[in-house]
Amino acid sequence: MKQQHKSWSSDREFVDQILAGSREDFDLLYETYFPRVYGFALKRLRDPGEAEDVAQEVFLTLIKALASFQGESSLLVWIFGITRNMVNRRFRRPRPRLESLDEGLEVIGEEPAIDYTVDARRMLVRCEEIIEHELTPVQRRIFHLKHLRRQSVATIATALGKSEDAVKAHLYRMRRVISEGTPGLDTLLRT
């Protein structure tokens, strides 16, 4: 982070100023990091309202947890770790139980189907974006042959003139990129 205030020269000193009650330094923290936290959450959640909620939760957590900042990583890395955890919880959280206001009759059980469908659709769109923009042309071809045409690794290797190990390495990298870019995907696929 660029030094923007004369009273501190490191993240640790900056945090110490905030913990000492400096409203000016806390405002600087908020102005500096809120847009980045929001952008990070928006990129993963694809929902401005959800991203705003996550960003607000991150700063509420920061207020409570700032004293635990040890300075072993940069403040930015620490804040993004909190943000990543909040985003991942959005995908894993249990859905609220909905009940009728009339006579206390239950309308829907533990996890409404619509929420599952919205999450699945959001993740599918994110997977498509990753496949289109983050995989190489060779990886997209392997993905198509393996997952859409259901061809074996040996058949793909022969078709592309690559070794089976090379195809397996591509599949591993693709899965990792898709999984990292779509928090909660593994959980959703297991349900």
N, C-alpha and C. Protein backbone atom coordinates (compact mmCIF):
# COMPACT_ATOMS: atom_id res chain seq x y z
N MET A 1 0.86 -1.16 0.00
CA MET A 1 0.00 0.00 0.00
C MET A 1 0.90 1.23 0.00
N LYS A 2 0.55 2.21 -0.75
CA LYS A 2 1.28 3.45 -0.83
C LYS A 2 1.15 4.21 0.49
N GLN A 3 2.25 4.75 0.97
CA GLN A 3 2.16 5.52 2.21
C GLN A 3 1.43 6.83 1.91
N GLN A 4 0.31 7.03 2.59
CA GLN A 4 -0.51 8.20 2.33
C GLN A 4 -0.63 9.08 3.57
N HIS A 5 0.05 8.75 4.62
CA HIS A 5 -0.10 9.47 5.86
C HIS A 5 1.27 9.53 6.53
N LYS A 6 1.67 10.69 7.03
CA LYS A 6 3.01 10.87 7.56
C LYS A 6 3.25 10.19 8.90
N SER A 7 2.19 9.84 9.61
CA SER A 7 2.38 9.29 10.96
C SER A 7 2.70 7.80 10.97
N TRP A 8 2.70 7.13 9.81
CA TRP A 8 3.02 5.71 9.81
C TRP A 8 3.82 5.35 8.57
N SER A 9 4.68 4.36 8.73
CA SER A 9 5.53 3.94 7.60
C SER A 9 5.37 2.46 7.28
N SER A 10 4.55 1.74 8.06
CA SER A 10 4.31 0.33 7.79
C SER A 10 2.85 0.01 8.12
N ASP A 11 2.40 -1.14 7.62
CA ASP A 11 1.04 -1.58 7.93
C ASP A 11 0.84 -1.72 9.44
N ARG A 12 1.86 -2.23 10.12
CA ARG A 12 1.75 -2.43 11.57
C ARG A 12 1.54 -1.10 12.29
N GLU A 13 2.32 -0.07 11.88
CA GLU A 13 2.17 1.25 12.49
C GLU A 13 0.80 1.85 12.16
N PHE A 14 0.35 1.62 10.95
CA PHE A 14 -0.96 2.11 10.51
C PHE A 14 -2.06 1.50 11.39
N VAL A 15 -1.99 0.17 11.57
CA VAL A 15 -2.97 -0.53 12.41
C VAL A 15 -2.88 -0.02 13.85
N ASP A 16 -1.67 0.18 14.34
CA ASP A 16 -1.51 0.69 15.71
C ASP A 16 -2.18 2.06 15.88
N GLN A 17 -2.08 2.92 14.87
CA GLN A 17 -2.72 4.24 14.92
C GLN A 17 -4.25 4.08 15.01
N ILE A 18 -4.79 3.15 14.22
CA ILE A 18 -6.24 2.92 14.23
C ILE A 18 -6.66 2.38 15.59
N LEU A 19 -5.88 1.43 16.11
CA LEU A 19 -6.20 0.84 17.42
C LEU A 19 -6.08 1.86 18.55
N ALA A 20 -5.26 2.86 18.33
CA ALA A 20 -5.10 3.93 19.33
C ALA A 20 -6.26 4.93 19.26
N GLY A 21 -7.16 4.73 18.30
CA GLY A 21 -8.35 5.58 18.23
C GLY A 21 -8.35 6.62 17.14
N SER A 22 -7.41 6.55 16.20
CA SER A 22 -7.33 7.55 15.14
C SER A 22 -8.46 7.34 14.12
N ARG A 23 -9.43 8.22 14.19
CA ARG A 23 -10.56 8.16 13.24
C ARG A 23 -10.06 8.46 11.82
N GLU A 24 -9.12 9.39 11.71
CA GLU A 24 -8.56 9.75 10.40
C GLU A 24 -7.92 8.53 9.72
N ASP A 25 -7.17 7.75 10.49
CA ASP A 25 -6.53 6.56 9.93
C ASP A 25 -7.55 5.48 9.58
N PHE A 26 -8.59 5.32 10.42
CA PHE A 26 -9.62 4.35 10.07
C PHE A 26 -10.34 4.77 8.79
N ASP A 27 -10.64 6.07 8.67
CA ASP A 27 -11.28 6.55 7.43
C ASP A 27 -10.39 6.29 6.22
N LEU A 28 -9.09 6.47 6.39
CA LEU A 28 -8.15 6.18 5.31
C LEU A 28 -8.17 4.69 4.95
N LEU A 29 -8.19 3.85 5.97
CA LEU A 29 -8.29 2.40 5.74
C LEU A 29 -9.54 2.08 4.93
N TYR A 30 -10.66 2.63 5.35
CA TYR A 30 -11.94 2.37 4.68
C TYR A 30 -11.91 2.88 3.24
N GLU A 31 -11.47 4.11 3.04
CA GLU A 31 -11.43 4.70 1.69
C GLU A 31 -10.47 3.95 0.77
N THR A 32 -9.38 3.45 1.34
CA THR A 32 -8.38 2.74 0.54
C THR A 32 -8.83 1.34 0.16
N TYR A 33 -9.42 0.61 1.11
CA TYR A 33 -9.69 -0.80 0.88
C TYR A 33 -11.13 -1.15 0.52
N PHE A 34 -12.10 -0.33 0.92
CA PHE A 34 -13.49 -0.69 0.64
C PHE A 34 -13.73 -0.93 -0.86
N PRO A 35 -13.29 -0.02 -1.76
CA PRO A 35 -13.54 -0.27 -3.19
C PRO A 35 -12.89 -1.57 -3.68
N ARG A 36 -11.73 -1.90 -3.16
CA ARG A 36 -11.05 -3.13 -3.59
C ARG A 36 -11.76 -4.37 -3.07
N VAL A 37 -12.22 -4.31 -1.81
CA VAL A 37 -12.96 -5.43 -1.23
C VAL A 37 -14.27 -5.64 -1.99
N TYR A 38 -14.97 -4.55 -2.25
CA TYR A 38 -16.23 -4.63 -2.99
C TYR A 38 -15.99 -5.21 -4.39
N GLY A 39 -14.97 -4.71 -5.09
CA GLY A 39 -14.67 -5.22 -6.43
C GLY A 39 -14.34 -6.70 -6.43
N PHE A 40 -13.56 -7.13 -5.44
CA PHE A 40 -13.20 -8.54 -5.30
C PHE A 40 -14.46 -9.39 -5.11
N ALA A 41 -15.32 -8.94 -4.19
CA ALA A 41 -16.56 -9.69 -3.92
C ALA A 41 -17.49 -9.69 -5.13
N LEU A 42 -17.60 -8.56 -5.81
CA LEU A 42 -18.47 -8.46 -6.98
C LEU A 42 -18.00 -9.39 -8.10
N LYS A 43 -16.70 -9.46 -8.29
CA LYS A 43 -16.15 -10.33 -9.34
C LYS A 43 -16.52 -11.80 -9.08
N ARG A 44 -16.53 -12.20 -7.83
CA ARG A 44 -16.82 -13.60 -7.51
C ARG A 44 -18.31 -13.88 -7.36
N LEU A 45 -19.04 -12.95 -6.81
CA LEU A 45 -20.46 -13.20 -6.54
C LEU A 45 -21.37 -12.79 -7.70
N ARG A 46 -20.91 -11.85 -8.51
CA ARG A 46 -21.71 -11.37 -9.66
C ARG A 46 -23.06 -10.78 -9.24
N ASP A 47 -23.10 -10.21 -8.06
CA ASP A 47 -24.34 -9.62 -7.56
C ASP A 47 -23.94 -8.40 -6.72
N PRO A 48 -24.27 -7.18 -7.20
CA PRO A 48 -23.86 -5.97 -6.48
C PRO A 48 -24.37 -5.92 -5.03
N GLY A 49 -25.60 -6.36 -4.79
CA GLY A 49 -26.14 -6.36 -3.43
C GLY A 49 -25.38 -7.29 -2.51
N GLU A 50 -25.10 -8.50 -2.99
CA GLU A 50 -24.33 -9.46 -2.20
C GLU A 50 -22.91 -8.94 -1.96
N ALA A 51 -22.30 -8.33 -2.99
CA ALA A 51 -20.95 -7.80 -2.86
C ALA A 51 -20.91 -6.67 -1.83
N GLU A 52 -21.92 -5.82 -1.84
CA GLU A 52 -22.01 -4.73 -0.86
C GLU A 52 -22.13 -5.31 0.56
N ASP A 53 -22.98 -6.33 0.71
CA ASP A 53 -23.14 -6.97 2.02
C ASP A 53 -21.82 -7.56 2.50
N VAL A 54 -21.11 -8.25 1.60
CA VAL A 54 -19.83 -8.84 1.98
C VAL A 54 -18.84 -7.75 2.38
N ALA A 55 -18.76 -6.68 1.61
CA ALA A 55 -17.82 -5.60 1.92
C ALA A 55 -18.13 -5.00 3.30
N GLN A 56 -19.40 -4.80 3.58
CA GLN A 56 -19.78 -4.27 4.89
C GLN A 56 -19.41 -5.25 6.01
N GLU A 57 -19.66 -6.55 5.78
CA GLU A 57 -19.31 -7.57 6.78
C GLU A 57 -17.80 -7.61 7.01
N VAL A 58 -17.03 -7.45 5.93
CA VAL A 58 -15.58 -7.46 6.07
C VAL A 58 -15.15 -6.32 6.99
N PHE A 59 -15.69 -5.14 6.80
CA PHE A 59 -15.27 -4.02 7.64
C PHE A 59 -15.78 -4.13 9.07
N LEU A 60 -16.93 -4.74 9.26
CA LEU A 60 -17.38 -5.01 10.64
C LEU A 60 -16.42 -6.00 11.31
N THR A 61 -16.01 -7.01 10.55
CA THR A 61 -15.06 -7.99 11.07
C THR A 61 -13.72 -7.32 11.36
N LEU A 62 -13.29 -6.43 10.47
CA LEU A 62 -12.02 -5.73 10.68
C LEU A 62 -12.02 -4.94 11.98
N ILE A 63 -13.13 -4.27 12.26
CA ILE A 63 -13.22 -3.49 13.49
C ILE A 63 -12.98 -4.40 14.69
N LYS A 64 -13.56 -5.59 14.66
CA LYS A 64 -13.43 -6.53 15.78
C LYS A 64 -12.08 -7.24 15.81
N ALA A 65 -11.50 -7.49 14.61
CA ALA A 65 -10.31 -8.34 14.54
C ALA A 65 -9.01 -7.60 14.32
N LEU A 66 -9.05 -6.30 14.14
CA LEU A 66 -7.85 -5.54 13.81
C LEU A 66 -6.74 -5.73 14.84
N ALA A 67 -7.10 -5.88 16.09
CA ALA A 67 -6.09 -6.09 17.14
C ALA A 67 -5.32 -7.39 16.94
N SER A 68 -5.90 -8.34 16.19
CA SER A 68 -5.21 -9.62 15.97
C SER A 68 -4.27 -9.57 14.77
N PHE A 69 -4.24 -8.46 14.05
CA PHE A 69 -3.32 -8.32 12.91
C PHE A 69 -1.89 -8.36 13.43
N GLN A 70 -1.11 -9.33 12.96
CA GLN A 70 0.26 -9.52 13.45
C GLN A 70 1.31 -8.88 12.55
N GLY A 71 0.93 -8.52 11.33
CA GLY A 71 1.89 -7.92 10.42
C GLY A 71 2.78 -8.94 9.71
N GLU A 72 2.42 -10.23 9.81
CA GLU A 72 3.22 -11.26 9.14
C GLU A 72 3.01 -11.23 7.63
N SER A 73 1.87 -10.72 7.20
CA SER A 73 1.61 -10.47 5.78
C SER A 73 1.20 -9.02 5.66
N SER A 74 1.06 -8.54 4.45
CA SER A 74 0.62 -7.16 4.29
C SER A 74 -0.83 -7.03 4.75
N LEU A 75 -1.21 -5.83 5.08
CA LEU A 75 -2.57 -5.56 5.50
C LEU A 75 -3.54 -5.92 4.38
N LEU A 76 -3.16 -5.63 3.15
CA LEU A 76 -3.99 -5.96 1.99
C LEU A 76 -4.24 -7.46 1.91
N VAL A 77 -3.21 -8.26 2.04
CA VAL A 77 -3.35 -9.72 1.99
C VAL A 77 -4.26 -10.19 3.12
N TRP A 78 -4.08 -9.66 4.30
CA TRP A 78 -4.89 -10.03 5.47
C TRP A 78 -6.36 -9.70 5.24
N ILE A 79 -6.62 -8.50 4.72
CA ILE A 79 -8.00 -8.09 4.45
C ILE A 79 -8.62 -8.96 3.36
N PHE A 80 -7.86 -9.26 2.32
CA PHE A 80 -8.41 -10.11 1.26
C PHE A 80 -8.62 -11.54 1.73
N GLY A 81 -7.85 -12.00 2.70
CA GLY A 81 -8.11 -13.31 3.29
C GLY A 81 -9.47 -13.33 3.99
N ILE A 82 -9.75 -12.27 4.73
CA ILE A 82 -11.06 -12.15 5.38
C ILE A 82 -12.16 -12.09 4.32
N THR A 83 -11.92 -11.31 3.27
CA THR A 83 -12.92 -11.15 2.20
C THR A 83 -13.18 -12.49 1.52
N ARG A 84 -12.13 -13.21 1.19
CA ARG A 84 -12.29 -14.51 0.53
C ARG A 84 -13.11 -15.45 1.40
N ASN A 85 -12.84 -15.46 2.70
CA ASN A 85 -13.62 -16.32 3.59
C ASN A 85 -15.08 -15.91 3.62
N MET A 86 -15.36 -14.61 3.62
CA MET A 86 -16.75 -14.13 3.62
C MET A 86 -17.46 -14.54 2.33
N VAL A 87 -16.77 -14.41 1.20
CA VAL A 87 -17.36 -14.79 -0.08
C VAL A 87 -17.66 -16.29 -0.09
N ASN A 88 -16.70 -17.08 0.37
CA ASN A 88 -16.91 -18.53 0.39
C ASN A 88 -18.07 -18.92 1.30
N ARG A 89 -18.23 -18.22 2.41
CA ARG A 89 -19.36 -18.51 3.31
C ARG A 89 -20.69 -18.22 2.63
N ARG A 90 -20.72 -17.26 1.72
CA ARG A 90 -21.96 -16.95 0.99
C ARG A 90 -22.43 -18.16 0.19
N PHE A 91 -21.48 -18.92 -0.30
CA PHE A 91 -21.83 -20.10 -1.09
C PHE A 91 -22.18 -21.29 -0.22
N ARG A 92 -21.68 -21.31 1.03
CA ARG A 92 -21.90 -22.46 1.90
C ARG A 92 -22.98 -22.27 2.94
N ARG A 93 -23.41 -21.06 3.15
CA ARG A 93 -24.34 -20.80 4.26
C ARG A 93 -25.66 -21.54 4.08
N PRO A 94 -26.23 -22.00 5.18
CA PRO A 94 -27.54 -22.65 5.08
C PRO A 94 -28.60 -21.60 4.74
N ARG A 95 -29.54 -22.01 3.99
CA ARG A 95 -30.62 -21.11 3.60
C ARG A 95 -31.61 -20.97 4.75
N PRO A 96 -32.18 -19.79 4.90
CA PRO A 96 -33.13 -19.61 6.01
C PRO A 96 -34.40 -20.42 5.80
N ARG A 97 -34.96 -20.83 6.90
CA ARG A 97 -36.22 -21.58 6.87
C ARG A 97 -37.36 -20.56 6.71
N LEU A 98 -38.18 -20.75 5.73
CA LEU A 98 -39.30 -19.85 5.48
C LEU A 98 -40.57 -20.45 6.03
N GLU A 99 -41.34 -19.63 6.71
CA GLU A 99 -42.60 -20.10 7.28
C GLU A 99 -43.71 -19.13 6.91
N SER A 100 -44.90 -19.65 6.83
CA SER A 100 -46.07 -18.85 6.52
C SER A 100 -46.42 -17.96 7.70
N LEU A 101 -46.86 -16.77 7.41
CA LEU A 101 -47.32 -15.88 8.48
C LEU A 101 -48.73 -16.26 8.92
N ASP A 102 -49.42 -17.05 8.11
CA ASP A 102 -50.77 -17.50 8.42
C ASP A 102 -50.70 -18.80 9.22
N GLU A 103 -51.08 -18.74 10.47
CA GLU A 103 -51.22 -19.89 11.34
C GLU A 103 -49.92 -20.68 11.53
N GLY A 104 -48.76 -20.06 11.25
CA GLY A 104 -47.49 -20.72 11.49
C GLY A 104 -47.26 -21.95 10.63
N LEU A 105 -47.93 -22.07 9.49
CA LEU A 105 -47.74 -23.23 8.63
C LEU A 105 -46.44 -23.10 7.85
N GLU A 106 -45.68 -24.17 7.79
CA GLU A 106 -44.44 -24.15 7.04
C GLU A 106 -44.74 -24.13 5.54
N VAL A 107 -44.06 -23.24 4.85
CA VAL A 107 -44.26 -23.12 3.40
C VAL A 107 -43.19 -23.90 2.65
N ILE A 108 -41.94 -23.68 3.04
CA ILE A 108 -40.81 -24.31 2.35
C ILE A 108 -39.87 -24.84 3.42
N GLY A 109 -39.20 -25.93 3.12
CA GLY A 109 -38.28 -26.55 4.07
C GLY A 109 -36.98 -25.81 4.22
N GLU A 110 -35.96 -26.52 4.62
CA GLU A 110 -34.67 -25.96 5.00
C GLU A 110 -33.99 -25.16 3.89
N GLU A 111 -33.99 -25.65 2.67
CA GLU A 111 -33.26 -24.96 1.60
C GLU A 111 -34.18 -24.77 0.40
N PRO A 112 -34.65 -23.56 0.18
CA PRO A 112 -35.55 -23.32 -0.94
C PRO A 112 -34.90 -23.68 -2.27
N ALA A 113 -35.67 -24.33 -3.13
CA ALA A 113 -35.16 -24.75 -4.43
C ALA A 113 -34.70 -23.56 -5.26
N ILE A 114 -35.38 -22.43 -5.14
CA ILE A 114 -35.02 -21.26 -5.94
C ILE A 114 -33.61 -20.78 -5.61
N ASP A 115 -33.22 -20.80 -4.31
CA ASP A 115 -31.88 -20.37 -3.94
C ASP A 115 -30.83 -21.30 -4.53
N TYR A 116 -31.09 -22.59 -4.49
CA TYR A 116 -30.17 -23.56 -5.07
C TYR A 116 -30.02 -23.31 -6.56
N THR A 117 -31.15 -23.06 -7.24
CA THR A 117 -31.13 -22.81 -8.68
C THR A 117 -30.37 -21.53 -9.01
N VAL A 118 -30.59 -20.48 -8.23
CA VAL A 118 -29.89 -19.22 -8.46
C VAL A 118 -28.39 -19.41 -8.26
N ASP A 119 -27.99 -20.07 -7.18
CA ASP A 119 -26.57 -20.34 -6.94
C ASP A 119 -25.98 -21.16 -8.07
N ALA A 120 -26.68 -22.20 -8.48
CA ALA A 120 -26.18 -23.06 -9.55
C ALA A 120 -26.05 -22.29 -10.86
N ARG A 121 -27.03 -21.47 -11.16
CA ARG A 121 -26.99 -20.69 -12.39
C ARG A 121 -25.85 -19.68 -12.35
N ARG A 122 -25.67 -19.02 -11.21
CA ARG A 122 -24.59 -18.04 -11.05
C ARG A 122 -23.23 -18.72 -11.22
N MET A 123 -23.08 -19.91 -10.64
CA MET A 123 -21.82 -20.62 -10.76
C MET A 123 -21.59 -21.12 -12.18
N LEU A 124 -22.63 -21.56 -12.84
CA LEU A 124 -22.51 -22.02 -14.22
C LEU A 124 -22.04 -20.87 -15.12
N VAL A 125 -22.62 -19.70 -14.94
CA VAL A 125 -22.20 -18.53 -15.72
C VAL A 125 -20.73 -18.23 -15.44
N ARG A 126 -20.33 -18.29 -14.17
CA ARG A 126 -18.94 -18.02 -13.82
C ARG A 126 -18.01 -19.07 -14.44
N CYS A 127 -18.41 -20.33 -14.43
CA CYS A 127 -17.60 -21.38 -15.06
C CYS A 127 -17.45 -21.13 -16.56
N GLU A 128 -18.53 -20.74 -17.21
CA GLU A 128 -18.47 -20.44 -18.64
C GLU A 128 -17.51 -19.29 -18.92
N GLU A 129 -17.54 -18.26 -18.07
CA GLU A 129 -16.62 -17.13 -18.24
C GLU A 129 -15.17 -17.57 -18.09
N ILE A 130 -14.92 -18.41 -17.10
CA ILE A 130 -13.55 -18.89 -16.88
C ILE A 130 -13.09 -19.72 -18.07
N ILE A 131 -13.94 -20.62 -18.53
CA ILE A 131 -13.58 -21.47 -19.67
C ILE A 131 -13.28 -20.59 -20.89
N GLU A 132 -14.10 -19.60 -21.12
CA GLU A 132 -13.96 -18.74 -22.30
C GLU A 132 -12.75 -17.81 -22.21
N HIS A 133 -12.49 -17.24 -21.02
CA HIS A 133 -11.49 -16.18 -20.93
C HIS A 133 -10.20 -16.56 -20.22
N GLU A 134 -10.20 -17.63 -19.43
CA GLU A 134 -9.01 -17.94 -18.65
C GLU A 134 -8.31 -19.23 -19.08
N LEU A 135 -8.97 -20.05 -19.88
CA LEU A 135 -8.32 -21.26 -20.36
C LEU A 135 -7.69 -20.98 -21.73
N THR A 136 -6.62 -21.69 -22.01
CA THR A 136 -5.98 -21.56 -23.33
C THR A 136 -6.83 -22.28 -24.37
N PRO A 137 -6.60 -22.00 -25.65
CA PRO A 137 -7.35 -22.72 -26.69
C PRO A 137 -7.20 -24.25 -26.58
N VAL A 138 -6.01 -24.72 -26.25
CA VAL A 138 -5.80 -26.17 -26.11
C VAL A 138 -6.62 -26.69 -24.92
N GLN A 139 -6.62 -25.96 -23.82
CA GLN A 139 -7.38 -26.39 -22.66
C GLN A 139 -8.88 -26.40 -22.97
N ARG A 140 -9.36 -25.39 -23.71
CA ARG A 140 -10.78 -25.38 -24.07
C ARG A 140 -11.11 -26.58 -24.95
N ARG A 141 -10.21 -26.95 -25.85
CA ARG A 141 -10.43 -28.12 -26.72
C ARG A 141 -10.46 -29.40 -25.88
N ILE A 142 -9.53 -29.52 -24.95
CA ILE A 142 -9.51 -30.69 -24.07
C ILE A 142 -10.78 -30.74 -23.23
N PHE A 143 -11.20 -29.60 -22.70
CA PHE A 143 -12.43 -29.55 -21.92
C PHE A 143 -13.61 -30.04 -22.75
N HIS A 144 -13.70 -29.55 -23.99
CA HIS A 144 -14.80 -29.94 -24.88
C HIS A 144 -14.79 -31.45 -25.12
N LEU A 145 -13.61 -31.98 -25.45
CA LEU A 145 -13.51 -33.41 -25.74
C LEU A 145 -13.80 -34.28 -24.51
N LYS A 146 -13.30 -33.86 -23.36
CA LYS A 146 -13.45 -34.66 -22.14
C LYS A 146 -14.86 -34.56 -21.54
N HIS A 147 -15.36 -33.34 -21.41
CA HIS A 147 -16.60 -33.15 -20.64
C HIS A 147 -17.86 -33.04 -21.50
N LEU A 148 -17.71 -32.65 -22.75
CA LEU A 148 -18.90 -32.56 -23.59
C LEU A 148 -19.02 -33.77 -24.52
N ARG A 149 -17.88 -34.23 -25.03
CA ARG A 149 -17.89 -35.41 -25.90
C ARG A 149 -17.64 -36.70 -25.15
N ARG A 150 -17.24 -36.56 -23.87
CA ARG A 150 -16.99 -37.71 -22.98
C ARG A 150 -15.96 -38.70 -23.54
N GLN A 151 -14.89 -38.14 -24.11
CA GLN A 151 -13.84 -38.99 -24.65
C GLN A 151 -12.80 -39.29 -23.57
N SER A 152 -12.14 -40.41 -23.72
CA SER A 152 -11.12 -40.82 -22.76
C SER A 152 -9.87 -39.98 -22.93
N VAL A 153 -9.02 -39.99 -21.90
CA VAL A 153 -7.76 -39.26 -21.95
C VAL A 153 -6.90 -39.79 -23.10
N ALA A 154 -6.90 -41.11 -23.30
CA ALA A 154 -6.11 -41.70 -24.38
C ALA A 154 -6.59 -41.21 -25.74
N THR A 155 -7.89 -41.15 -25.94
CA THR A 155 -8.46 -40.68 -27.21
C THR A 155 -8.12 -39.21 -27.44
N ILE A 156 -8.22 -38.41 -26.39
CA ILE A 156 -7.90 -36.98 -26.51
C ILE A 156 -6.42 -36.80 -26.85
N ALA A 157 -5.57 -37.54 -26.16
CA ALA A 157 -4.13 -37.45 -26.41
C ALA A 157 -3.81 -37.77 -27.86
N THR A 158 -4.41 -38.83 -28.38
CA THR A 158 -4.20 -39.21 -29.78
C THR A 158 -4.70 -38.12 -30.72
N ALA A 159 -5.89 -37.60 -30.47
CA ALA A 159 -6.49 -36.58 -31.33
C ALA A 159 -5.67 -35.30 -31.36
N LEU A 160 -5.05 -34.95 -30.24
CA LEU A 160 -4.30 -33.70 -30.17
C LEU A 160 -2.80 -33.88 -30.36
N GLY A 161 -2.36 -35.12 -30.51
CA GLY A 161 -0.93 -35.38 -30.68
C GLY A 161 -0.13 -35.07 -29.43
N LYS A 162 -0.73 -35.31 -28.27
CA LYS A 162 -0.07 -35.06 -26.98
C LYS A 162 0.01 -36.36 -26.20
N SER A 163 0.86 -36.37 -25.19
CA SER A 163 0.94 -37.55 -24.33
C SER A 163 -0.25 -37.55 -23.38
N GLU A 164 -0.59 -38.71 -22.85
CA GLU A 164 -1.68 -38.81 -21.88
C GLU A 164 -1.35 -37.98 -20.64
N ASP A 165 -0.08 -37.99 -20.22
CA ASP A 165 0.32 -37.20 -19.05
C ASP A 165 0.10 -35.71 -19.30
N ALA A 166 0.38 -35.24 -20.51
CA ALA A 166 0.16 -33.82 -20.83
C ALA A 166 -1.33 -33.48 -20.77
N VAL A 167 -2.17 -34.37 -21.27
CA VAL A 167 -3.62 -34.14 -21.22
C VAL A 167 -4.08 -34.12 -19.77
N LYS A 168 -3.59 -35.07 -18.96
CA LYS A 168 -3.96 -35.11 -17.54
C LYS A 168 -3.51 -33.84 -16.82
N ALA A 169 -2.32 -33.35 -17.15
CA ALA A 169 -1.82 -32.11 -16.53
C ALA A 169 -2.73 -30.93 -16.91
N HIS A 170 -3.15 -30.87 -18.17
CA HIS A 170 -4.08 -29.81 -18.59
C HIS A 170 -5.41 -29.93 -17.84
N LEU A 171 -5.93 -31.13 -17.71
CA LEU A 171 -7.19 -31.33 -16.98
C LEU A 171 -7.07 -30.88 -15.53
N TYR A 172 -5.95 -31.22 -14.90
CA TYR A 172 -5.73 -30.82 -13.52
C TYR A 172 -5.70 -29.30 -13.40
N ARG A 173 -4.94 -28.62 -14.28
CA ARG A 173 -4.85 -27.16 -14.24
C ARG A 173 -6.20 -26.51 -14.49
N MET A 174 -6.97 -27.06 -15.44
CA MET A 174 -8.29 -26.50 -15.75
C MET A 174 -9.21 -26.62 -14.54
N ARG A 175 -9.23 -27.77 -13.91
CA ARG A 175 -10.08 -27.96 -12.74
C ARG A 175 -9.71 -26.99 -11.63
N ARG A 176 -8.40 -26.80 -11.44
CA ARG A 176 -7.93 -25.89 -10.40
C ARG A 176 -8.36 -24.45 -10.71
N VAL A 177 -8.19 -24.01 -11.95
CA VAL A 177 -8.58 -22.65 -12.34
C VAL A 177 -10.08 -22.45 -12.18
N ILE A 178 -10.87 -23.42 -12.62
CA ILE A 178 -12.33 -23.31 -12.50
C ILE A 178 -12.76 -23.33 -11.04
N SER A 179 -12.17 -24.22 -10.24
CA SER A 179 -12.52 -24.33 -8.83
C SER A 179 -12.14 -23.07 -8.06
N GLU A 180 -10.94 -22.54 -8.31
CA GLU A 180 -10.50 -21.33 -7.61
C GLU A 180 -11.33 -20.12 -8.02
N GLY A 181 -11.76 -20.09 -9.26
CA GLY A 181 -12.53 -18.95 -9.76
C GLY A 181 -14.00 -19.01 -9.42
N THR A 182 -14.44 -20.15 -8.88
CA THR A 182 -15.86 -20.32 -8.56
C THR A 182 -15.98 -20.88 -7.14
N PRO A 183 -15.82 -20.00 -6.12
CA PRO A 183 -15.93 -20.48 -4.73
C PRO A 183 -17.28 -21.13 -4.48
N GLY A 184 -17.25 -22.26 -3.79
CA GLY A 184 -18.49 -22.95 -3.46
C GLY A 184 -18.93 -23.97 -4.49
N LEU A 185 -18.23 -24.07 -5.61
CA LEU A 185 -18.61 -25.01 -6.67
C LEU A 185 -18.59 -26.44 -6.18
N ASP A 186 -17.52 -26.82 -5.49
CA ASP A 186 -17.44 -28.21 -5.00
C ASP A 186 -18.60 -28.54 -4.07
N THR A 187 -18.94 -27.60 -3.19
CA THR A 187 -20.05 -27.81 -2.26
C THR A 187 -21.36 -27.97 -3.02
N LEU A 188 -21.57 -27.12 -4.01
CA LEU A 188 -22.80 -27.18 -4.80
C LEU A 188 -22.91 -28.50 -5.56
N LEU A 189 -21.80 -28.98 -6.10
CA LEU A 189 -21.82 -30.23 -6.87
C LEU A 189 -22.07 -31.44 -5.99
N ARG A 190 -21.72 -31.34 -4.70
CA ARG A 190 -21.94 -32.47 -3.79
C ARG A 190 -23.39 -32.57 -3.31
N THR A 191 -24.18 -31.49 -3.46
CA THR A 191 -25.55 -31.51 -2.94
C THR A 191 -26.50 -32.11 -3.95
